[in-house]
């Protein structure tokens, strides 16, 4: 067999190569986390998410509160009276 026809041995990543990759990834993550612009963008995003969550919650709470107060003052007493009148036998 010549060098041209000989199959190339398959290289599996060794321990050293995996450790080098690990340290490169770790250094990159550390560099990103220490970057001031990245920290500012994360903080701004967190504040935005909290603000949107509060707006969404307020938009759901107000109509429910308004409907509950309306039913408390108007709807339930009149509706219950009509239902009682309709269910009582011999009243027509």
N, C-alpha and C. Protein backbone atom coordinates (compact mmCIF):
# COMPACT_ATOMS: atom_id res chain seq x y z
N UNK A 1 0.82 -1.17 0.00
CA UNK A 1 0.00 0.00 0.00
C UNK A 1 0.87 1.24 0.00
N UNK A 2 0.47 2.17 -0.80
CA UNK A 2 1.21 3.43 -0.84
C UNK A 2 0.53 4.44 0.06
N UNK A 3 1.12 5.57 0.20
CA UNK A 3 0.57 6.62 1.06
C UNK A 3 -0.74 7.15 0.52
N UNK A 4 -0.93 7.08 -0.81
CA UNK A 4 -2.16 7.61 -1.40
C UNK A 4 -3.35 6.70 -1.14
N UNK A 5 -3.14 5.43 -1.09
CA UNK A 5 -4.26 4.51 -0.94
C UNK A 5 -4.48 4.07 0.49
N UNK A 6 -3.60 4.39 1.36
CA UNK A 6 -3.76 3.97 2.75
C UNK A 6 -4.86 4.79 3.42
N UNK A 7 -5.75 4.13 4.14
CA UNK A 7 -6.81 4.87 4.83
C UNK A 7 -6.23 5.71 5.97
N UNK A 8 -6.78 6.90 6.08
CA UNK A 8 -6.31 7.78 7.15
C UNK A 8 -6.93 7.34 8.48
N UNK A 9 -6.16 7.31 9.50
CA UNK A 9 -6.73 6.95 10.80
C UNK A 9 -7.69 8.04 11.28
N UNK A 10 -8.78 7.60 11.88
CA UNK A 10 -9.77 8.54 12.39
C UNK A 10 -9.27 9.07 13.72
N UNK A 11 -9.22 10.38 13.82
CA UNK A 11 -8.75 10.99 15.07
C UNK A 11 -9.94 11.27 15.97
N UNK A 12 -9.85 10.79 17.15
CA UNK A 12 -10.85 11.13 18.15
C UNK A 12 -10.26 12.23 19.02
N UNK A 13 -11.10 13.18 19.43
CA UNK A 13 -10.55 14.26 20.25
C UNK A 13 -10.04 13.71 21.57
N UNK A 14 -8.82 14.06 21.86
CA UNK A 14 -8.22 13.59 23.09
C UNK A 14 -8.60 14.47 24.26
N UNK A 15 -8.10 14.09 25.41
CA UNK A 15 -8.39 14.83 26.63
C UNK A 15 -7.84 16.25 26.54
N UNK A 16 -6.65 16.36 25.99
CA UNK A 16 -6.03 17.68 25.89
C UNK A 16 -6.84 18.62 24.99
N UNK A 17 -7.31 18.09 23.86
CA UNK A 17 -8.08 18.92 22.95
C UNK A 17 -9.41 19.35 23.57
N UNK A 18 -10.05 18.45 24.31
CA UNK A 18 -11.30 18.79 24.98
C UNK A 18 -11.07 19.85 26.06
N UNK A 19 -9.96 19.73 26.78
CA UNK A 19 -9.65 20.72 27.82
C UNK A 19 -9.38 22.09 27.19
N UNK A 20 -8.70 22.11 26.06
CA UNK A 20 -8.45 23.39 25.37
C UNK A 20 -9.77 24.03 24.96
N UNK A 21 -10.67 23.24 24.37
CA UNK A 21 -11.99 23.76 24.01
C UNK A 21 -12.73 24.27 25.23
N UNK A 22 -12.70 23.53 26.32
CA UNK A 22 -13.37 23.92 27.56
C UNK A 22 -12.85 25.27 28.05
N UNK A 23 -11.54 25.45 28.08
CA UNK A 23 -10.96 26.69 28.56
C UNK A 23 -11.26 27.86 27.63
N UNK A 24 -11.32 27.61 26.33
CA UNK A 24 -11.68 28.67 25.39
C UNK A 24 -13.12 29.11 25.61
N UNK A 25 -14.02 28.16 25.77
CA UNK A 25 -15.42 28.49 26.02
C UNK A 25 -15.55 29.22 27.35
N UNK A 26 -14.86 28.74 28.36
CA UNK A 26 -14.94 29.37 29.67
C UNK A 26 -14.41 30.81 29.62
N UNK A 27 -13.31 31.03 28.92
CA UNK A 27 -12.75 32.38 28.80
C UNK A 27 -13.70 33.29 28.03
N UNK A 28 -14.34 32.76 27.00
CA UNK A 28 -15.28 33.56 26.22
C UNK A 28 -16.49 33.96 27.06
N UNK A 29 -17.04 33.02 27.80
CA UNK A 29 -18.18 33.32 28.66
C UNK A 29 -17.80 34.33 29.73
N UNK A 30 -16.63 34.16 30.31
CA UNK A 30 -16.16 35.10 31.33
C UNK A 30 -16.00 36.50 30.74
N UNK A 31 -15.46 36.57 29.54
CA UNK A 31 -15.27 37.86 28.89
C UNK A 31 -16.62 38.53 28.59
N UNK A 32 -17.59 37.74 28.13
CA UNK A 32 -18.91 38.28 27.83
C UNK A 32 -19.59 38.77 29.11
N UNK A 33 -19.49 38.00 30.18
CA UNK A 33 -20.15 38.39 31.42
C UNK A 33 -19.50 39.62 32.05
N UNK A 34 -18.24 39.86 31.78
CA UNK A 34 -17.57 41.03 32.35
C UNK A 34 -17.74 42.27 31.47
N UNK A 35 -18.30 42.13 30.29
CA UNK A 35 -18.47 43.26 29.38
C UNK A 35 -19.57 44.18 29.90
N UNK A 36 -19.27 45.46 30.00
CA UNK A 36 -20.21 46.42 30.55
C UNK A 36 -21.44 46.58 29.67
N UNK A 37 -21.26 46.59 28.35
CA UNK A 37 -22.40 46.73 27.46
C UNK A 37 -23.34 45.53 27.58
N UNK A 38 -22.79 44.34 27.73
CA UNK A 38 -23.62 43.15 27.91
C UNK A 38 -24.41 43.24 29.21
N UNK A 39 -23.75 43.68 30.29
CA UNK A 39 -24.43 43.82 31.57
C UNK A 39 -25.56 44.85 31.47
N UNK A 40 -25.30 45.98 30.80
CA UNK A 40 -26.33 47.00 30.64
C UNK A 40 -27.51 46.48 29.85
N UNK A 41 -27.24 45.74 28.79
CA UNK A 41 -28.35 45.22 27.98
C UNK A 41 -29.16 44.18 28.75
N UNK A 42 -28.51 43.37 29.57
CA UNK A 42 -29.25 42.40 30.37
C UNK A 42 -30.12 43.10 31.39
N UNK A 43 -29.59 44.14 32.03
CA UNK A 43 -30.36 44.89 33.03
C UNK A 43 -31.55 45.58 32.37
N UNK A 44 -31.33 46.22 31.22
CA UNK A 44 -32.42 46.90 30.52
C UNK A 44 -33.48 45.88 30.09
N UNK A 45 -33.06 44.73 29.61
CA UNK A 45 -34.01 43.69 29.21
C UNK A 45 -34.83 43.20 30.40
N UNK A 46 -34.17 43.03 31.55
CA UNK A 46 -34.89 42.57 32.75
C UNK A 46 -35.92 43.61 33.19
N UNK A 47 -35.54 44.89 33.16
CA UNK A 47 -36.48 45.95 33.54
C UNK A 47 -37.65 45.99 32.56
N UNK A 48 -37.37 45.81 31.28
CA UNK A 48 -38.43 45.79 30.28
C UNK A 48 -39.39 44.62 30.46
N UNK A 49 -38.85 43.47 30.77
CA UNK A 49 -39.71 42.29 30.98
C UNK A 49 -40.62 42.49 32.20
N UNK A 50 -40.06 43.04 33.28
CA UNK A 50 -40.86 43.30 34.48
C UNK A 50 -41.95 44.32 34.18
N UNK A 51 -41.59 45.39 33.45
CA UNK A 51 -42.58 46.41 33.11
C UNK A 51 -43.70 45.84 32.24
N UNK A 52 -43.35 45.03 31.25
CA UNK A 52 -44.38 44.42 30.41
C UNK A 52 -45.27 43.46 31.20
N UNK A 53 -44.69 42.74 32.14
CA UNK A 53 -45.48 41.84 32.98
C UNK A 53 -46.46 42.62 33.84
N UNK A 54 -46.03 43.75 34.38
CA UNK A 54 -46.92 44.56 35.20
C UNK A 54 -48.03 45.17 34.37
N UNK A 55 -47.72 45.62 33.15
CA UNK A 55 -48.75 46.18 32.28
C UNK A 55 -49.77 45.10 31.93
N UNK A 56 -49.30 43.92 31.62
CA UNK A 56 -50.21 42.83 31.31
C UNK A 56 -51.10 42.46 32.49
N UNK A 57 -50.50 42.44 33.66
CA UNK A 57 -51.28 42.12 34.86
C UNK A 57 -52.31 43.20 35.15
N UNK A 58 -51.93 44.47 35.00
CA UNK A 58 -52.87 45.56 35.24
C UNK A 58 -54.01 45.55 34.24
N UNK A 59 -53.72 45.22 33.00
CA UNK A 59 -54.77 45.16 31.99
C UNK A 59 -55.76 44.04 32.27
N UNK A 60 -55.34 43.00 32.95
CA UNK A 60 -56.26 41.92 33.29
C UNK A 60 -57.01 42.22 34.57
N UNK A 61 -56.39 42.93 35.51
CA UNK A 61 -57.01 43.15 36.82
C UNK A 61 -58.12 44.19 36.73
N UNK A 62 -57.92 45.27 36.00
CA UNK A 62 -58.91 46.35 35.96
C UNK A 62 -60.27 45.90 35.43
N UNK A 63 -60.35 45.21 34.29
CA UNK A 63 -61.68 44.78 33.83
C UNK A 63 -62.36 43.81 34.80
N UNK A 64 -61.59 42.94 35.41
CA UNK A 64 -62.19 42.00 36.36
C UNK A 64 -62.73 42.75 37.56
N UNK A 65 -61.96 43.71 38.06
CA UNK A 65 -62.40 44.49 39.21
C UNK A 65 -63.65 45.31 38.85
N UNK A 66 -63.64 45.89 37.66
CA UNK A 66 -64.78 46.69 37.22
C UNK A 66 -66.02 45.81 37.07
N UNK A 67 -65.87 44.63 36.48
CA UNK A 67 -67.00 43.72 36.31
C UNK A 67 -67.52 43.24 37.66
N UNK A 68 -66.62 42.95 38.57
CA UNK A 68 -67.04 42.49 39.90
C UNK A 68 -67.82 43.58 40.62
N UNK A 69 -67.37 44.82 40.55
CA UNK A 69 -68.10 45.90 41.22
C UNK A 69 -69.45 46.14 40.55
N UNK A 70 -69.54 46.00 39.23
CA UNK A 70 -70.81 46.19 38.54
C UNK A 70 -71.80 45.10 38.95
N UNK A 71 -71.32 43.87 38.95
CA UNK A 71 -72.23 42.78 39.36
C UNK A 71 -72.63 42.92 40.82
N UNK A 72 -71.74 43.45 41.61
CA UNK A 72 -72.05 43.64 43.02
C UNK A 72 -73.16 44.67 43.20
N UNK A 73 -73.13 45.73 42.41
CA UNK A 73 -74.13 46.79 42.57
C UNK A 73 -75.36 46.58 41.71
N UNK A 74 -75.24 46.07 40.51
CA UNK A 74 -76.38 46.01 39.59
C UNK A 74 -76.83 44.61 39.25
N UNK A 75 -75.94 43.88 38.69
CA UNK A 75 -76.31 42.68 37.98
C UNK A 75 -76.83 41.54 38.82
N UNK A 76 -76.16 41.22 39.90
CA UNK A 76 -76.48 39.99 40.61
C UNK A 76 -77.83 40.09 41.30
N UNK A 77 -78.14 41.17 41.97
CA UNK A 77 -79.40 41.26 42.70
C UNK A 77 -80.59 41.22 41.76
N UNK A 78 -80.53 41.96 40.64
CA UNK A 78 -81.63 41.93 39.69
C UNK A 78 -81.74 40.58 39.01
N UNK A 79 -80.63 40.00 38.67
CA UNK A 79 -80.64 38.71 37.98
C UNK A 79 -81.17 37.61 38.91
N UNK A 80 -80.76 37.63 40.16
CA UNK A 80 -81.25 36.62 41.10
C UNK A 80 -82.75 36.78 41.34
N UNK A 81 -83.24 38.00 41.40
CA UNK A 81 -84.67 38.21 41.58
C UNK A 81 -85.45 37.65 40.39
N UNK A 82 -84.95 37.88 39.18
CA UNK A 82 -85.62 37.35 37.99
C UNK A 82 -85.61 35.82 37.97
N UNK A 83 -84.51 35.22 38.38
CA UNK A 83 -84.43 33.76 38.40
C UNK A 83 -85.38 33.19 39.43
N UNK A 84 -85.43 33.81 40.61
CA UNK A 84 -86.36 33.33 41.65
C UNK A 84 -87.81 33.41 41.18
N UNK A 85 -88.16 34.52 40.53
CA UNK A 85 -89.53 34.66 40.02
C UNK A 85 -89.86 33.61 38.96
N UNK A 86 -88.86 33.30 38.15
CA UNK A 86 -89.09 32.33 37.09
C UNK A 86 -89.19 30.91 37.64
N UNK A 87 -88.49 30.62 38.74
CA UNK A 87 -88.48 29.26 39.28
C UNK A 87 -89.62 28.97 40.24
N UNK A 88 -90.26 29.99 40.80
CA UNK A 88 -91.34 29.75 41.76
C UNK A 88 -92.57 29.25 41.01
N UNK A 89 -93.11 28.10 41.46
CA UNK A 89 -94.26 27.54 40.76
C UNK A 89 -95.55 28.30 41.11
N UNK A 90 -96.45 28.37 40.15
CA UNK A 90 -97.77 28.95 40.35
C UNK A 90 -97.80 30.46 40.37
N UNK A 91 -96.82 31.12 39.91
CA UNK A 91 -96.80 32.58 39.93
C UNK A 91 -96.91 33.13 38.52
N UNK A 92 -97.91 32.86 37.80
CA UNK A 92 -98.04 33.44 36.47
C UNK A 92 -99.43 33.84 36.22
